[in-house]
Amino acid sequence: MVQWTLGELAVSNYETSAASLLEGFHHGPSADLSTAISDLVLDEEVLLSPVPASHFLNLSTTYRGELTYRMFDVIGHQRLVDNFEGQVRIDLSRLVPGVYWVELVTSEGRRGYYSFVKT
């Protein structure tokens, strides 16, 4: 039986249904690893307006393709979600005043995070 502690360097690969040792470090079964952080970031220009917003938020981007937006309150509860291409006008009438985060996700899994205030 081979055992390693979390973060311990190793010189060989070891895999079971419960854990795997890859690339020299021990990782649990649900590890989601990336070696290129820049590949996961949405680099395209994104514009949210008006900020602060009261009734609607206009969201536009130079990204070519479909995006998913997810809107979260400051506690982390998802409040709105939808797909769009290029630009979208989001109805904020169901949201209470406060600070919100918008997560944009591409079909490749690249993400961008933006905040705004709803009055």
N, C-alpha and C. Protein backbone atom coordinates (compact mmCIF):
# COMPACT_ATOMS: atom_id res chain seq x y z
N MET A 1 0.84 -1.18 0.00
CA MET A 1 0.00 0.00 0.00
C MET A 1 0.89 1.24 0.00
N VAL A 2 0.54 2.19 -0.86
CA VAL A 2 1.29 3.43 -0.96
C VAL A 2 0.45 4.53 -0.32
N GLN A 3 1.06 5.38 0.53
CA GLN A 3 0.34 6.48 1.15
C GLN A 3 1.16 7.76 1.05
N TRP A 4 0.47 8.86 0.83
CA TRP A 4 1.08 10.16 0.83
C TRP A 4 0.21 11.11 1.63
N THR A 5 0.78 12.14 2.14
CA THR A 5 -0.02 13.17 2.80
C THR A 5 -0.33 14.26 1.79
N LEU A 6 -1.35 15.06 2.08
CA LEU A 6 -1.75 16.12 1.17
C LEU A 6 -0.60 17.10 0.95
N GLY A 7 -0.25 17.34 -0.31
CA GLY A 7 0.81 18.28 -0.64
C GLY A 7 2.19 17.69 -0.67
N GLU A 8 2.32 16.41 -0.36
CA GLU A 8 3.63 15.77 -0.34
C GLU A 8 4.12 15.50 -1.77
N LEU A 9 5.37 15.82 -2.06
CA LEU A 9 5.94 15.55 -3.38
C LEU A 9 6.07 14.05 -3.60
N ALA A 10 5.87 13.62 -4.84
CA ALA A 10 6.03 12.21 -5.18
C ALA A 10 6.66 12.13 -6.57
N VAL A 11 7.26 10.99 -6.85
CA VAL A 11 7.93 10.83 -8.14
C VAL A 11 7.24 9.83 -9.05
N SER A 12 6.08 9.29 -8.63
CA SER A 12 5.35 8.36 -9.47
C SER A 12 3.86 8.64 -9.38
N ASN A 13 3.10 8.14 -10.35
CA ASN A 13 1.65 8.29 -10.34
C ASN A 13 1.01 7.14 -9.60
N TYR A 14 -0.07 7.43 -8.88
CA TYR A 14 -0.83 6.42 -8.16
C TYR A 14 -2.29 6.81 -8.22
N GLU A 15 -3.17 5.88 -8.64
CA GLU A 15 -4.59 6.21 -8.76
C GLU A 15 -5.44 5.08 -8.21
N THR A 16 -6.49 5.46 -7.47
CA THR A 16 -7.54 4.55 -7.01
C THR A 16 -8.86 5.26 -7.21
N SER A 17 -9.96 4.61 -6.86
CA SER A 17 -11.26 5.27 -6.98
C SER A 17 -11.43 6.36 -5.94
N ALA A 18 -10.61 6.34 -4.88
CA ALA A 18 -10.74 7.32 -3.80
C ALA A 18 -9.79 8.50 -3.92
N ALA A 19 -8.68 8.34 -4.61
CA ALA A 19 -7.71 9.43 -4.69
C ALA A 19 -6.76 9.19 -5.86
N SER A 20 -6.05 10.24 -6.22
CA SER A 20 -5.05 10.10 -7.28
C SER A 20 -3.85 10.96 -6.96
N LEU A 21 -2.70 10.47 -7.33
CA LEU A 21 -1.45 11.21 -7.17
C LEU A 21 -0.95 11.48 -8.58
N LEU A 22 -1.01 12.73 -8.99
CA LEU A 22 -0.62 13.12 -10.34
C LEU A 22 0.24 14.37 -10.27
N GLU A 23 1.11 14.53 -11.23
CA GLU A 23 1.95 15.72 -11.36
C GLU A 23 2.69 16.05 -10.07
N GLY A 24 2.99 15.02 -9.26
CA GLY A 24 3.84 15.21 -8.10
C GLY A 24 3.16 15.62 -6.82
N PHE A 25 1.82 15.76 -6.80
CA PHE A 25 1.12 16.13 -5.58
C PHE A 25 -0.10 15.25 -5.39
N HIS A 26 -0.45 14.97 -4.16
CA HIS A 26 -1.62 14.19 -3.82
C HIS A 26 -2.86 15.06 -3.89
N HIS A 27 -3.89 14.57 -4.58
CA HIS A 27 -5.14 15.32 -4.73
C HIS A 27 -6.30 14.41 -4.38
N GLY A 28 -7.32 14.96 -3.76
CA GLY A 28 -8.53 14.19 -3.46
C GLY A 28 -9.29 13.86 -4.73
N PRO A 29 -10.37 13.08 -4.64
CA PRO A 29 -11.08 12.61 -5.83
C PRO A 29 -11.79 13.71 -6.61
N SER A 30 -12.09 14.85 -5.99
CA SER A 30 -12.82 15.89 -6.72
C SER A 30 -11.96 17.09 -7.06
N ALA A 31 -10.66 16.92 -7.09
CA ALA A 31 -9.76 18.03 -7.39
C ALA A 31 -10.01 18.55 -8.80
N ASP A 32 -10.15 19.85 -8.94
CA ASP A 32 -10.33 20.51 -10.23
C ASP A 32 -9.10 21.39 -10.43
N LEU A 33 -8.14 20.90 -11.18
CA LEU A 33 -6.85 21.58 -11.28
C LEU A 33 -6.66 22.23 -12.64
N SER A 34 -5.96 23.33 -12.63
CA SER A 34 -5.59 24.01 -13.86
C SER A 34 -4.16 24.50 -13.73
N THR A 35 -3.42 24.36 -14.79
CA THR A 35 -2.05 24.88 -14.76
C THR A 35 -1.94 26.21 -15.50
N ALA A 36 -3.04 26.65 -16.10
CA ALA A 36 -3.01 27.90 -16.84
C ALA A 36 -4.20 28.76 -16.43
N ILE A 37 -4.02 29.55 -15.39
CA ILE A 37 -5.11 30.37 -14.87
C ILE A 37 -5.63 31.33 -15.93
N SER A 38 -4.76 31.89 -16.75
CA SER A 38 -5.20 32.85 -17.76
C SER A 38 -6.16 32.22 -18.76
N ASP A 39 -6.13 30.90 -18.94
CA ASP A 39 -7.05 30.23 -19.85
C ASP A 39 -8.47 30.19 -19.30
N LEU A 40 -8.64 30.46 -18.01
CA LEU A 40 -9.95 30.37 -17.38
C LEU A 40 -10.61 31.74 -17.20
N VAL A 41 -9.90 32.81 -17.55
CA VAL A 41 -10.40 34.16 -17.31
C VAL A 41 -10.98 34.73 -18.59
N LEU A 42 -12.14 35.37 -18.45
CA LEU A 42 -12.77 36.04 -19.58
C LEU A 42 -12.03 37.35 -19.85
N ASP A 43 -11.30 37.41 -20.95
CA ASP A 43 -10.47 38.58 -21.26
C ASP A 43 -11.19 39.64 -22.08
N GLU A 44 -12.33 39.31 -22.65
CA GLU A 44 -13.04 40.25 -23.51
C GLU A 44 -13.58 41.43 -22.70
N GLU A 45 -13.81 42.54 -23.40
CA GLU A 45 -14.36 43.73 -22.76
C GLU A 45 -15.81 43.48 -22.36
N VAL A 46 -16.15 43.89 -21.14
CA VAL A 46 -17.51 43.75 -20.62
C VAL A 46 -17.95 45.10 -20.08
N LEU A 47 -19.18 45.51 -20.42
CA LEU A 47 -19.71 46.78 -19.95
C LEU A 47 -21.05 46.55 -19.27
N LEU A 48 -21.18 47.02 -18.03
CA LEU A 48 -22.44 47.02 -17.29
C LEU A 48 -22.87 48.46 -17.13
N SER A 49 -24.15 48.74 -17.46
CA SER A 49 -24.65 50.11 -17.30
C SER A 49 -26.17 50.06 -17.13
N PRO A 50 -26.77 51.05 -16.50
CA PRO A 50 -26.12 52.07 -15.68
C PRO A 50 -25.71 51.48 -14.33
N VAL A 51 -24.74 52.06 -13.73
CA VAL A 51 -24.30 51.66 -12.38
C VAL A 51 -24.23 52.93 -11.55
N PRO A 52 -25.01 53.07 -10.50
CA PRO A 52 -25.95 52.06 -10.00
C PRO A 52 -27.16 51.91 -10.92
N ALA A 53 -27.82 50.76 -10.82
CA ALA A 53 -28.98 50.45 -11.64
C ALA A 53 -30.21 50.37 -10.75
N SER A 54 -31.37 50.70 -11.33
CA SER A 54 -32.59 50.62 -10.52
C SER A 54 -33.60 49.62 -11.10
N HIS A 55 -33.91 49.72 -12.38
CA HIS A 55 -34.92 48.84 -12.98
C HIS A 55 -34.33 47.80 -13.93
N PHE A 56 -33.31 48.20 -14.70
CA PHE A 56 -32.69 47.32 -15.68
C PHE A 56 -31.17 47.48 -15.61
N LEU A 57 -30.47 46.40 -15.98
CA LEU A 57 -29.01 46.46 -16.13
C LEU A 57 -28.70 46.02 -17.55
N ASN A 58 -28.00 46.87 -18.28
CA ASN A 58 -27.56 46.53 -19.63
C ASN A 58 -26.17 45.91 -19.53
N LEU A 59 -26.02 44.75 -20.15
CA LEU A 59 -24.74 44.04 -20.12
C LEU A 59 -24.33 43.77 -21.56
N SER A 60 -23.13 44.20 -21.93
CA SER A 60 -22.64 43.95 -23.29
C SER A 60 -21.19 43.51 -23.22
N THR A 61 -20.78 42.71 -24.22
CA THR A 61 -19.42 42.18 -24.26
C THR A 61 -18.95 42.02 -25.70
N THR A 62 -17.65 42.01 -25.88
CA THR A 62 -17.07 41.78 -27.20
C THR A 62 -16.86 40.30 -27.47
N TYR A 63 -17.20 39.43 -26.50
CA TYR A 63 -17.06 37.98 -26.69
C TYR A 63 -17.97 37.52 -27.82
N ARG A 64 -17.43 36.70 -28.72
CA ARG A 64 -18.20 36.16 -29.85
C ARG A 64 -18.68 34.75 -29.48
N GLY A 65 -19.95 34.63 -29.18
CA GLY A 65 -20.52 33.34 -28.82
C GLY A 65 -21.46 33.49 -27.65
N GLU A 66 -22.06 32.37 -27.26
CA GLU A 66 -23.04 32.39 -26.18
C GLU A 66 -22.35 32.44 -24.82
N LEU A 67 -22.90 33.25 -23.94
CA LEU A 67 -22.45 33.38 -22.55
C LEU A 67 -23.62 33.06 -21.63
N THR A 68 -23.30 32.59 -20.44
CA THR A 68 -24.29 32.44 -19.39
C THR A 68 -23.99 33.48 -18.33
N TYR A 69 -25.02 34.22 -17.91
CA TYR A 69 -24.81 35.10 -16.76
C TYR A 69 -25.55 34.53 -15.57
N ARG A 70 -24.90 34.62 -14.41
CA ARG A 70 -25.52 34.24 -13.14
C ARG A 70 -25.32 35.42 -12.20
N MET A 71 -26.41 35.84 -11.56
CA MET A 71 -26.35 36.99 -10.67
C MET A 71 -26.52 36.51 -9.24
N PHE A 72 -25.61 36.97 -8.35
CA PHE A 72 -25.60 36.56 -6.95
C PHE A 72 -25.74 37.77 -6.05
N ASP A 73 -26.42 37.59 -4.91
CA ASP A 73 -26.43 38.64 -3.90
C ASP A 73 -25.17 38.52 -3.04
N VAL A 74 -25.01 39.41 -2.06
CA VAL A 74 -23.78 39.42 -1.27
C VAL A 74 -23.64 38.20 -0.37
N ILE A 75 -24.72 37.49 -0.14
CA ILE A 75 -24.66 36.26 0.67
C ILE A 75 -24.23 35.08 -0.19
N GLY A 76 -24.31 35.23 -1.51
CA GLY A 76 -23.93 34.16 -2.42
C GLY A 76 -25.10 33.39 -2.99
N HIS A 77 -26.33 33.84 -2.73
CA HIS A 77 -27.50 33.19 -3.31
C HIS A 77 -27.66 33.61 -4.77
N GLN A 78 -27.85 32.62 -5.64
CA GLN A 78 -28.08 32.93 -7.04
C GLN A 78 -29.48 33.51 -7.19
N ARG A 79 -29.58 34.68 -7.81
CA ARG A 79 -30.87 35.36 -7.96
C ARG A 79 -31.41 35.31 -9.38
N LEU A 80 -30.54 35.38 -10.39
CA LEU A 80 -30.95 35.35 -11.79
C LEU A 80 -29.95 34.53 -12.59
N VAL A 81 -30.41 33.89 -13.65
CA VAL A 81 -29.53 33.15 -14.56
C VAL A 81 -30.18 33.13 -15.94
N ASP A 82 -29.36 33.28 -16.98
CA ASP A 82 -29.86 33.22 -18.36
C ASP A 82 -28.67 33.17 -19.31
N ASN A 83 -28.94 32.88 -20.57
CA ASN A 83 -27.93 32.87 -21.62
C ASN A 83 -28.16 34.05 -22.55
N PHE A 84 -27.07 34.51 -23.19
CA PHE A 84 -27.20 35.61 -24.15
C PHE A 84 -25.98 35.63 -25.06
N GLU A 85 -26.08 36.39 -26.14
CA GLU A 85 -24.96 36.63 -27.05
C GLU A 85 -24.84 38.13 -27.27
N GLY A 86 -23.65 38.68 -27.06
CA GLY A 86 -23.38 40.08 -27.36
C GLY A 86 -23.86 41.06 -26.32
N GLN A 87 -25.18 41.17 -26.16
CA GLN A 87 -25.73 42.10 -25.18
C GLN A 87 -27.07 41.60 -24.68
N VAL A 88 -27.43 42.06 -23.47
CA VAL A 88 -28.70 41.68 -22.88
C VAL A 88 -29.15 42.79 -21.93
N ARG A 89 -30.45 42.95 -21.82
CA ARG A 89 -31.04 43.90 -20.86
C ARG A 89 -31.70 43.06 -19.77
N ILE A 90 -31.20 43.17 -18.55
CA ILE A 90 -31.64 42.32 -17.44
C ILE A 90 -32.64 43.09 -16.58
N ASP A 91 -33.81 42.51 -16.37
CA ASP A 91 -34.85 43.10 -15.53
C ASP A 91 -34.48 42.87 -14.07
N LEU A 92 -34.33 43.96 -13.32
CA LEU A 92 -33.94 43.88 -11.92
C LEU A 92 -35.11 44.07 -10.96
N SER A 93 -36.34 44.08 -11.46
CA SER A 93 -37.50 44.41 -10.63
C SER A 93 -37.72 43.42 -9.49
N ARG A 94 -37.24 42.18 -9.62
CA ARG A 94 -37.43 41.19 -8.56
C ARG A 94 -36.34 41.24 -7.49
N LEU A 95 -35.35 42.11 -7.68
CA LEU A 95 -34.23 42.19 -6.74
C LEU A 95 -34.43 43.34 -5.75
N VAL A 96 -34.05 43.11 -4.51
CA VAL A 96 -34.07 44.18 -3.51
C VAL A 96 -32.82 45.03 -3.70
N PRO A 97 -32.84 46.28 -3.26
CA PRO A 97 -31.63 47.11 -3.36
C PRO A 97 -30.45 46.47 -2.63
N GLY A 98 -29.26 46.61 -3.22
CA GLY A 98 -28.06 46.06 -2.61
C GLY A 98 -26.95 45.89 -3.62
N VAL A 99 -25.90 45.21 -3.21
CA VAL A 99 -24.74 44.93 -4.06
C VAL A 99 -24.91 43.52 -4.63
N TYR A 100 -24.62 43.38 -5.92
CA TYR A 100 -24.76 42.09 -6.60
C TYR A 100 -23.50 41.80 -7.41
N TRP A 101 -23.24 40.51 -7.62
CA TRP A 101 -22.14 40.04 -8.47
C TRP A 101 -22.73 39.35 -9.68
N VAL A 102 -22.15 39.63 -10.84
CA VAL A 102 -22.54 38.96 -12.08
C VAL A 102 -21.37 38.08 -12.50
N GLU A 103 -21.64 36.79 -12.68
CA GLU A 103 -20.64 35.86 -13.19
C GLU A 103 -20.98 35.58 -14.65
N LEU A 104 -20.03 35.77 -15.56
CA LEU A 104 -20.19 35.42 -16.96
C LEU A 104 -19.37 34.18 -17.24
N VAL A 105 -19.97 33.21 -17.93
CA VAL A 105 -19.28 31.95 -18.22
C VAL A 105 -19.41 31.64 -19.70
N THR A 106 -18.29 31.37 -20.35
CA THR A 106 -18.29 30.98 -21.76
C THR A 106 -18.53 29.49 -21.88
N SER A 107 -18.78 29.02 -23.09
CA SER A 107 -18.96 27.58 -23.32
C SER A 107 -17.67 26.80 -23.06
N GLU A 108 -16.52 27.51 -23.08
CA GLU A 108 -15.23 26.87 -22.79
C GLU A 108 -14.93 26.87 -21.29
N GLY A 109 -15.79 27.49 -20.50
CA GLY A 109 -15.57 27.52 -19.05
C GLY A 109 -14.80 28.72 -18.55
N ARG A 110 -14.46 29.66 -19.44
CA ARG A 110 -13.79 30.89 -18.98
C ARG A 110 -14.80 31.76 -18.25
N ARG A 111 -14.34 32.45 -17.21
CA ARG A 111 -15.24 33.20 -16.35
C ARG A 111 -14.77 34.64 -16.11
N GLY A 112 -15.74 35.50 -15.89
CA GLY A 112 -15.47 36.87 -15.48
C GLY A 112 -16.47 37.25 -14.39
N TYR A 113 -16.04 38.08 -13.44
CA TYR A 113 -16.90 38.50 -12.33
C TYR A 113 -16.96 40.02 -12.26
N TYR A 114 -18.17 40.54 -12.11
CA TYR A 114 -18.39 41.98 -12.13
C TYR A 114 -19.42 42.32 -11.06
N SER A 115 -19.29 43.49 -10.45
CA SER A 115 -20.23 43.87 -9.41
C SER A 115 -20.97 45.13 -9.82
N PHE A 116 -22.16 45.31 -9.23
CA PHE A 116 -22.93 46.53 -9.45
C PHE A 116 -23.83 46.74 -8.23
N VAL A 117 -24.37 47.94 -8.13
CA VAL A 117 -25.29 48.29 -7.06
C VAL A 117 -26.67 48.47 -7.65
N LYS A 118 -27.68 47.84 -7.00
CA LYS A 118 -29.08 48.01 -7.39
C LYS A 118 -29.70 48.96 -6.37
N THR A 119 -30.29 50.07 -6.84
CA THR A 119 -30.90 51.05 -5.93
C THR A 119 -32.40 50.86 -5.87
